[in-house]
Amino acid sequence: MPRFLTMVRIDEQNLPVDDPGPDFEQRMGALLEEITKAGVMLDTAGLAPTSQAARVTWADGKLHYTDGPFTETKEVVGGYSIIQAKDRAEALEWANRFLQIHPAHWTVTCEVREIVEGPSGDPS
């Protein structure tokens, strides 16, 4: 079965300051329990803010380092999961369910990408 990386993208400059509601944690916990019991979830975590990050770039034969925060970047990866799903459609369904737990006025994006397996880089 293919594995997928889901990257939760957020606008770090405009994070919601309101409480997501009393049942948010319960709904999220129930979904994470369900996806784990289904054998789909392999790993998941949130990420520290970009103020604690660094970027390393290779350009013109040199390494360049940039300390966060990365104010020029509107969206950043705020969390991730690695899931194992039968196909892209199933991976997208889990991503949809994850996003729909969040309050309607929040903006959260979930990028879903298949992990390329094998030495040739061919996912088949």
N, C-alpha and C. Protein backbone atom coordinates (compact mmCIF):
# COMPACT_ATOMS: atom_id res chain seq x y z
N MET A 1 0.84 -1.19 0.00
CA MET A 1 0.00 0.00 0.00
C MET A 1 0.88 1.24 0.00
N PRO A 2 0.49 2.25 -0.77
CA PRO A 2 1.31 3.46 -0.81
C PRO A 2 1.24 4.26 0.49
N ARG A 3 2.31 4.98 0.75
CA ARG A 3 2.36 5.89 1.89
C ARG A 3 2.23 7.32 1.37
N PHE A 4 1.66 8.17 2.20
CA PHE A 4 1.45 9.56 1.83
C PHE A 4 1.94 10.46 2.96
N LEU A 5 2.53 11.58 2.59
CA LEU A 5 2.91 12.62 3.53
C LEU A 5 1.85 13.70 3.44
N THR A 6 1.25 14.04 4.56
CA THR A 6 0.33 15.16 4.58
C THR A 6 1.02 16.29 5.34
N MET A 7 1.05 17.44 4.72
CA MET A 7 1.66 18.62 5.34
C MET A 7 0.56 19.62 5.64
N VAL A 8 0.41 19.94 6.91
CA VAL A 8 -0.60 20.89 7.34
C VAL A 8 0.02 22.28 7.23
N ARG A 9 -0.54 23.08 6.35
CA ARG A 9 -0.01 24.42 6.10
C ARG A 9 -0.87 25.46 6.80
N ILE A 10 -0.18 26.41 7.44
CA ILE A 10 -0.85 27.48 8.16
C ILE A 10 -0.20 28.81 7.81
N ASP A 11 -0.92 29.89 8.00
CA ASP A 11 -0.36 31.24 7.88
C ASP A 11 0.11 31.63 9.27
N GLU A 12 1.38 31.48 9.51
CA GLU A 12 1.94 31.69 10.85
C GLU A 12 1.78 33.14 11.32
N GLN A 13 1.65 34.08 10.37
CA GLN A 13 1.51 35.49 10.73
C GLN A 13 0.08 35.83 11.18
N ASN A 14 -0.88 34.96 10.83
CA ASN A 14 -2.28 35.23 11.14
C ASN A 14 -2.96 34.02 11.77
N LEU A 15 -2.34 33.45 12.78
CA LEU A 15 -2.93 32.30 13.47
C LEU A 15 -4.17 32.72 14.24
N PRO A 16 -5.20 31.87 14.27
CA PRO A 16 -6.39 32.20 15.05
C PRO A 16 -6.03 32.33 16.53
N VAL A 17 -6.59 33.34 17.17
CA VAL A 17 -6.32 33.54 18.59
C VAL A 17 -7.48 33.05 19.45
N ASP A 18 -8.60 32.75 18.80
CA ASP A 18 -9.76 32.28 19.55
C ASP A 18 -9.64 30.80 19.87
N ASP A 19 -10.33 30.39 20.89
CA ASP A 19 -10.39 29.00 21.32
C ASP A 19 -11.21 28.22 20.29
N PRO A 20 -10.73 27.07 19.84
CA PRO A 20 -11.47 26.32 18.82
C PRO A 20 -12.75 25.66 19.34
N GLY A 21 -13.04 25.82 20.60
CA GLY A 21 -14.26 25.25 21.15
C GLY A 21 -13.97 24.09 22.08
N PRO A 22 -14.90 23.81 22.98
CA PRO A 22 -14.65 22.80 24.01
C PRO A 22 -14.53 21.38 23.49
N ASP A 23 -15.13 21.09 22.35
CA ASP A 23 -15.09 19.71 21.87
C ASP A 23 -14.05 19.47 20.78
N PHE A 24 -13.25 20.50 20.47
CA PHE A 24 -12.23 20.35 19.41
C PHE A 24 -11.24 19.24 19.74
N GLU A 25 -10.67 19.29 20.94
CA GLU A 25 -9.68 18.29 21.35
C GLU A 25 -10.28 16.88 21.34
N GLN A 26 -11.53 16.78 21.78
CA GLN A 26 -12.21 15.48 21.81
C GLN A 26 -12.42 14.94 20.39
N ARG A 27 -12.89 15.80 19.49
CA ARG A 27 -13.11 15.37 18.09
C ARG A 27 -11.79 14.98 17.42
N MET A 28 -10.74 15.78 17.67
CA MET A 28 -9.43 15.48 17.08
C MET A 28 -8.90 14.16 17.64
N GLY A 29 -9.01 13.97 18.94
CA GLY A 29 -8.56 12.73 19.56
C GLY A 29 -9.30 11.52 19.02
N ALA A 30 -10.62 11.66 18.81
CA ALA A 30 -11.41 10.56 18.27
C ALA A 30 -10.97 10.22 16.84
N LEU A 31 -10.71 11.24 16.03
CA LEU A 31 -10.26 10.98 14.66
C LEU A 31 -8.89 10.30 14.67
N LEU A 32 -7.98 10.80 15.49
CA LEU A 32 -6.64 10.20 15.55
C LEU A 32 -6.71 8.75 16.05
N GLU A 33 -7.60 8.48 16.98
CA GLU A 33 -7.78 7.11 17.46
C GLU A 33 -8.33 6.23 16.33
N GLU A 34 -9.31 6.75 15.60
CA GLU A 34 -9.90 5.98 14.50
C GLU A 34 -8.89 5.68 13.40
N ILE A 35 -8.13 6.68 13.00
CA ILE A 35 -7.16 6.49 11.90
C ILE A 35 -6.03 5.56 12.34
N THR A 36 -5.68 5.59 13.63
CA THR A 36 -4.65 4.69 14.15
C THR A 36 -5.16 3.25 14.19
N LYS A 37 -6.37 3.06 14.71
CA LYS A 37 -6.96 1.72 14.78
C LYS A 37 -7.18 1.12 13.40
N ALA A 38 -7.41 1.98 12.41
CA ALA A 38 -7.61 1.51 11.04
C ALA A 38 -6.29 1.09 10.39
N GLY A 39 -5.16 1.34 11.08
CA GLY A 39 -3.85 0.97 10.53
C GLY A 39 -3.35 1.93 9.49
N VAL A 40 -3.94 3.12 9.42
CA VAL A 40 -3.58 4.10 8.41
C VAL A 40 -2.47 5.02 8.90
N MET A 41 -2.57 5.49 10.16
CA MET A 41 -1.60 6.45 10.70
C MET A 41 -0.29 5.77 11.05
N LEU A 42 0.79 6.27 10.46
CA LEU A 42 2.12 5.76 10.77
C LEU A 42 2.88 6.71 11.69
N ASP A 43 2.67 8.03 11.52
CA ASP A 43 3.34 9.02 12.36
C ASP A 43 2.65 10.37 12.16
N THR A 44 2.65 11.18 13.19
CA THR A 44 2.10 12.53 13.09
C THR A 44 2.68 13.40 14.18
N ALA A 45 2.80 14.71 13.91
CA ALA A 45 3.28 15.66 14.91
C ALA A 45 3.06 17.07 14.41
N GLY A 46 2.99 17.98 15.35
CA GLY A 46 3.03 19.40 15.02
C GLY A 46 4.49 19.84 14.99
N LEU A 47 4.73 20.99 14.41
CA LEU A 47 6.10 21.50 14.30
C LEU A 47 6.24 22.80 15.09
N ALA A 48 7.42 23.04 15.62
CA ALA A 48 7.71 24.28 16.33
C ALA A 48 7.58 25.45 15.35
N PRO A 49 7.33 26.65 15.83
CA PRO A 49 7.20 27.80 14.95
C PRO A 49 8.50 28.10 14.20
N THR A 50 8.36 28.80 13.08
CA THR A 50 9.55 29.09 12.27
C THR A 50 10.52 30.01 12.98
N SER A 51 10.10 30.68 14.04
CA SER A 51 11.03 31.51 14.80
C SER A 51 12.13 30.66 15.43
N GLN A 52 11.89 29.35 15.53
CA GLN A 52 12.87 28.43 16.08
C GLN A 52 13.53 27.58 14.99
N ALA A 53 13.33 27.96 13.73
CA ALA A 53 13.81 27.15 12.61
C ALA A 53 14.98 27.81 11.89
N ALA A 54 15.57 27.05 11.01
CA ALA A 54 16.62 27.56 10.12
C ALA A 54 16.44 26.90 8.76
N ARG A 55 16.79 27.61 7.72
CA ARG A 55 16.79 27.06 6.37
C ARG A 55 18.22 27.00 5.87
N VAL A 56 18.52 25.90 5.22
CA VAL A 56 19.84 25.72 4.60
C VAL A 56 19.60 25.59 3.10
N THR A 57 20.24 26.46 2.32
CA THR A 57 20.06 26.47 0.87
C THR A 57 21.40 26.25 0.19
N TRP A 58 21.39 25.45 -0.85
CA TRP A 58 22.57 25.23 -1.68
C TRP A 58 22.34 26.01 -2.97
N ALA A 59 23.18 27.02 -3.22
CA ALA A 59 23.06 27.83 -4.43
C ALA A 59 24.43 28.36 -4.81
N ASP A 60 24.70 28.34 -6.10
CA ASP A 60 25.97 28.84 -6.62
C ASP A 60 27.17 28.18 -5.96
N GLY A 61 27.03 26.90 -5.64
CA GLY A 61 28.13 26.15 -5.06
C GLY A 61 28.42 26.47 -3.61
N LYS A 62 27.49 27.15 -2.93
CA LYS A 62 27.70 27.52 -1.53
C LYS A 62 26.45 27.21 -0.72
N LEU A 63 26.68 26.97 0.57
CA LEU A 63 25.58 26.80 1.51
C LEU A 63 25.22 28.16 2.09
N HIS A 64 23.93 28.42 2.19
CA HIS A 64 23.43 29.66 2.77
C HIS A 64 22.46 29.30 3.89
N TYR A 65 22.57 29.99 5.02
CA TYR A 65 21.74 29.72 6.18
C TYR A 65 20.85 30.93 6.46
N THR A 66 19.59 30.67 6.75
CA THR A 66 18.65 31.72 7.12
C THR A 66 17.94 31.27 8.39
N ASP A 67 18.04 32.09 9.42
CA ASP A 67 17.32 31.80 10.65
C ASP A 67 15.90 32.33 10.54
N GLY A 68 14.95 31.60 11.16
CA GLY A 68 13.56 32.02 11.17
C GLY A 68 13.37 33.16 12.15
N PRO A 69 12.23 33.78 12.16
CA PRO A 69 11.04 33.42 11.38
C PRO A 69 11.18 33.85 9.92
N PHE A 70 10.41 33.22 9.07
CA PHE A 70 10.48 33.46 7.64
C PHE A 70 9.30 34.34 7.23
N THR A 71 9.42 35.62 7.50
CA THR A 71 8.31 36.54 7.30
C THR A 71 7.92 36.71 5.84
N GLU A 72 8.81 36.39 4.93
CA GLU A 72 8.49 36.51 3.51
C GLU A 72 7.62 35.36 3.01
N THR A 73 7.45 34.35 3.84
CA THR A 73 6.66 33.18 3.46
C THR A 73 5.29 33.28 4.10
N LYS A 74 4.24 33.25 3.28
CA LYS A 74 2.89 33.36 3.82
C LYS A 74 2.48 32.08 4.52
N GLU A 75 2.60 30.93 3.86
CA GLU A 75 2.22 29.66 4.46
C GLU A 75 3.45 28.86 4.84
N VAL A 76 3.38 28.21 6.00
CA VAL A 76 4.45 27.32 6.43
C VAL A 76 3.84 26.00 6.85
N VAL A 77 4.67 24.97 6.91
CA VAL A 77 4.20 23.67 7.38
C VAL A 77 4.16 23.72 8.90
N GLY A 78 2.97 23.53 9.46
CA GLY A 78 2.79 23.58 10.90
C GLY A 78 2.71 22.21 11.55
N GLY A 79 2.55 21.18 10.72
CA GLY A 79 2.47 19.81 11.21
C GLY A 79 2.46 18.85 10.04
N TYR A 80 2.53 17.58 10.33
CA TYR A 80 2.58 16.58 9.27
C TYR A 80 2.00 15.27 9.77
N SER A 81 1.72 14.40 8.83
CA SER A 81 1.44 13.01 9.17
C SER A 81 1.98 12.15 8.03
N ILE A 82 2.30 10.93 8.37
CA ILE A 82 2.62 9.92 7.36
C ILE A 82 1.57 8.85 7.52
N ILE A 83 0.82 8.63 6.44
CA ILE A 83 -0.25 7.64 6.48
C ILE A 83 -0.03 6.60 5.39
N GLN A 84 -0.65 5.46 5.58
CA GLN A 84 -0.61 4.39 4.59
C GLN A 84 -2.06 4.14 4.18
N ALA A 85 -2.36 4.44 2.92
CA ALA A 85 -3.72 4.33 2.43
C ALA A 85 -3.73 3.49 1.16
N LYS A 86 -4.90 2.95 0.82
CA LYS A 86 -4.97 2.09 -0.38
C LYS A 86 -4.73 2.88 -1.65
N ASP A 87 -5.07 4.18 -1.64
CA ASP A 87 -4.86 5.02 -2.83
C ASP A 87 -4.97 6.49 -2.43
N ARG A 88 -4.76 7.35 -3.42
CA ARG A 88 -4.81 8.80 -3.20
C ARG A 88 -6.18 9.23 -2.70
N ALA A 89 -7.24 8.64 -3.23
CA ALA A 89 -8.60 9.01 -2.82
C ALA A 89 -8.81 8.78 -1.32
N GLU A 90 -8.32 7.65 -0.81
CA GLU A 90 -8.46 7.39 0.63
C GLU A 90 -7.64 8.38 1.44
N ALA A 91 -6.41 8.69 0.98
CA ALA A 91 -5.57 9.66 1.68
C ALA A 91 -6.26 11.02 1.72
N LEU A 92 -6.89 11.42 0.63
CA LEU A 92 -7.60 12.70 0.59
C LEU A 92 -8.82 12.69 1.51
N GLU A 93 -9.49 11.57 1.61
CA GLU A 93 -10.64 11.47 2.51
C GLU A 93 -10.22 11.69 3.96
N TRP A 94 -9.12 11.09 4.38
CA TRP A 94 -8.63 11.30 5.75
C TRP A 94 -8.24 12.77 5.95
N ALA A 95 -7.59 13.38 4.95
CA ALA A 95 -7.23 14.80 5.04
C ALA A 95 -8.48 15.66 5.17
N ASN A 96 -9.52 15.35 4.40
CA ASN A 96 -10.78 16.10 4.47
C ASN A 96 -11.37 16.02 5.86
N ARG A 97 -11.38 14.84 6.43
CA ARG A 97 -11.96 14.66 7.76
C ARG A 97 -11.16 15.44 8.81
N PHE A 98 -9.84 15.44 8.67
CA PHE A 98 -8.99 16.20 9.59
C PHE A 98 -9.32 17.69 9.51
N LEU A 99 -9.41 18.22 8.29
CA LEU A 99 -9.67 19.65 8.13
C LEU A 99 -11.04 20.04 8.66
N GLN A 100 -12.05 19.20 8.45
CA GLN A 100 -13.41 19.55 8.84
C GLN A 100 -13.62 19.59 10.35
N ILE A 101 -12.67 19.10 11.12
CA ILE A 101 -12.74 19.20 12.58
C ILE A 101 -12.48 20.63 13.05
N HIS A 102 -11.72 21.39 12.25
CA HIS A 102 -11.35 22.76 12.62
C HIS A 102 -12.54 23.71 12.48
N PRO A 103 -12.55 24.79 13.27
CA PRO A 103 -13.62 25.78 13.14
C PRO A 103 -13.71 26.33 11.72
N ALA A 104 -14.93 26.62 11.28
CA ALA A 104 -15.17 27.04 9.89
C ALA A 104 -14.45 28.34 9.53
N HIS A 105 -14.21 29.22 10.50
CA HIS A 105 -13.56 30.50 10.18
C HIS A 105 -12.03 30.43 10.19
N TRP A 106 -11.46 29.28 10.51
CA TRP A 106 -10.01 29.10 10.43
C TRP A 106 -9.64 28.76 9.00
N THR A 107 -8.40 29.07 8.61
CA THR A 107 -7.87 28.68 7.31
C THR A 107 -6.71 27.72 7.55
N VAL A 108 -6.91 26.48 7.15
CA VAL A 108 -5.89 25.43 7.29
C VAL A 108 -5.86 24.68 5.97
N THR A 109 -4.68 24.43 5.45
CA THR A 109 -4.51 23.69 4.20
C THR A 109 -3.78 22.40 4.50
N CYS A 110 -4.16 21.34 3.83
CA CYS A 110 -3.48 20.07 4.00
C CYS A 110 -3.01 19.59 2.63
N GLU A 111 -1.73 19.59 2.41
CA GLU A 111 -1.15 19.10 1.15
C GLU A 111 -0.89 17.61 1.31
N VAL A 112 -1.37 16.81 0.36
CA VAL A 112 -1.23 15.35 0.41
C VAL A 112 -0.35 14.92 -0.76
N ARG A 113 0.77 14.26 -0.45
CA ARG A 113 1.70 13.83 -1.50
C ARG A 113 2.12 12.39 -1.25
N GLU A 114 2.09 11.61 -2.32
CA GLU A 114 2.53 10.22 -2.21
C GLU A 114 4.04 10.18 -2.02
N ILE A 115 4.49 9.28 -1.15
CA ILE A 115 5.91 9.09 -0.91
C ILE A 115 6.44 8.14 -1.98
N VAL A 116 7.44 8.56 -2.68
CA VAL A 116 8.03 7.75 -3.74
C VAL A 116 8.89 6.66 -3.11
N GLU A 117 8.59 5.42 -3.45
CA GLU A 117 9.29 4.27 -2.87
C GLU A 117 10.31 3.73 -3.87
N GLY A 118 11.33 3.08 -3.37
CA GLY A 118 12.28 2.39 -4.21
C GLY A 118 13.40 3.27 -4.72
N PRO A 119 14.48 2.64 -5.16
CA PRO A 119 15.67 3.38 -5.58
C PRO A 119 15.50 4.16 -6.88
N SER A 120 14.53 3.76 -7.72
CA SER A 120 14.38 4.44 -9.00
C SER A 120 13.57 5.72 -8.89
N GLY A 121 12.92 5.92 -7.74
CA GLY A 121 12.07 7.08 -7.59
C GLY A 121 10.71 6.91 -8.23
N ASP A 122 10.43 5.72 -8.72
CA ASP A 122 9.14 5.42 -9.35
C ASP A 122 8.20 4.88 -8.29
N PRO A 123 7.03 5.57 -8.05
CA PRO A 123 6.14 5.13 -6.99
C PRO A 123 5.41 3.83 -7.30
N SER A 124 5.51 3.30 -8.50
CA SER A 124 4.77 2.06 -8.83
C SER A 124 5.50 0.81 -8.41
